[in-house]
Protein backbone atom coordinates (compact mmCIF):
# COMPACT_ATOMS: atom_id res chain seq x y z
CA UNK A 1 75.71 31.33 213.30
CA UNK A 2 74.61 34.88 212.48
CA UNK A 3 74.64 35.77 208.79
CA UNK A 4 76.35 38.89 207.47
CA UNK A 5 72.95 40.26 206.42
CA UNK A 6 71.66 39.88 209.99
CA UNK A 7 74.79 41.59 211.27
CA UNK A 8 74.20 44.50 208.89
CA UNK A 9 70.55 44.76 209.98
CA UNK A 10 71.67 44.97 213.62
CA UNK A 11 74.28 47.62 212.85
CA UNK A 12 71.76 49.70 210.87
CA UNK A 13 69.22 49.40 213.68
CA UNK A 14 71.79 50.72 216.16
CA UNK A 15 72.91 53.52 213.82
CA UNK A 16 76.41 52.17 213.21
CA UNK A 17 76.42 53.00 209.51
CA UNK A 18 80.18 53.01 208.98
CA UNK A 19 80.52 49.47 210.34
CA UNK A 20 77.48 48.34 208.34
CA UNK A 21 78.91 49.80 205.13
CA UNK A 22 82.20 48.08 205.90
CA UNK A 23 80.43 44.71 205.97
CA UNK A 24 78.22 45.42 202.94
CA UNK A 25 81.11 46.47 200.72
CA UNK A 26 82.11 42.82 200.52
CA UNK A 27 78.69 41.64 199.32
CA UNK A 28 78.48 40.44 195.73
CA UNK A 29 75.04 38.89 195.31
CA UNK A 30 71.50 40.13 195.78
CA UNK A 31 72.15 43.85 195.46
CA UNK A 32 72.00 45.93 192.28
CA UNK A 33 75.46 46.83 191.00
CA UNK A 34 74.71 50.57 191.14
CA UNK A 35 73.56 50.29 194.76
CA UNK A 36 76.60 48.30 195.88
CA UNK A 37 78.92 50.76 194.14
CA UNK A 38 77.28 53.71 195.94
CA UNK A 39 77.57 51.94 199.30
CA UNK A 40 81.24 51.12 198.63
CA UNK A 41 81.92 54.74 197.69
CA UNK A 42 80.16 55.91 200.85
CA UNK A 43 82.36 53.67 202.98
CA UNK A 44 85.51 54.81 201.19
CA UNK A 45 84.49 58.46 201.63
CA UNK A 46 84.03 57.86 205.36
CA UNK A 47 87.45 56.22 205.67
CA UNK A 48 89.44 58.44 203.27
CA UNK A 49 87.53 61.73 202.97
CA UNK A 50 90.48 63.93 202.00
CA UNK A 51 91.51 61.60 199.17
CA UNK A 52 88.05 61.61 197.63
CA UNK A 53 87.76 65.38 198.04
CA UNK A 54 91.00 65.72 196.06
CA UNK A 55 89.40 63.64 193.32
CA UNK A 56 86.50 66.10 193.24
CA UNK A 57 83.94 63.83 194.90
CA UNK A 58 81.27 65.47 197.01
CA UNK A 59 81.91 63.20 199.99
CA UNK A 60 78.91 64.35 202.01
CA UNK A 61 76.50 63.56 199.18
CA UNK A 62 78.19 60.22 198.47
CA UNK A 63 77.97 59.19 202.12
CA UNK A 64 74.33 60.28 202.41
CA UNK A 65 73.37 58.34 199.26
CA UNK A 66 75.15 55.21 200.46
CA UNK A 67 73.58 55.36 203.89
CA UNK A 68 70.13 55.90 202.39
CA UNK A 69 70.52 52.81 200.21
CA UNK A 70 71.76 50.87 203.24
CA UNK A 71 68.70 51.92 205.25
CA UNK A 72 66.36 51.11 202.36
CA UNK A 73 67.81 47.61 202.01
CA UNK A 74 68.50 46.69 205.62
CA UNK A 75 66.64 49.19 207.80
């Protein structure tokens, strides 16, 4: 059986960041709370960009930060 971490590594390697963030957002252990929160926000900004723009979130920056953390951890 393939672990979720291995799945994320494969998705990051193939550049499928949205799918990888979708898997990572469910992780609870082994990642700093600040990092997991940024990756969750990045995923949410990809899925619901207009909502987060209404809240005043710079969605592009949030997504870039989340993807960078994802690459640093699993790339």
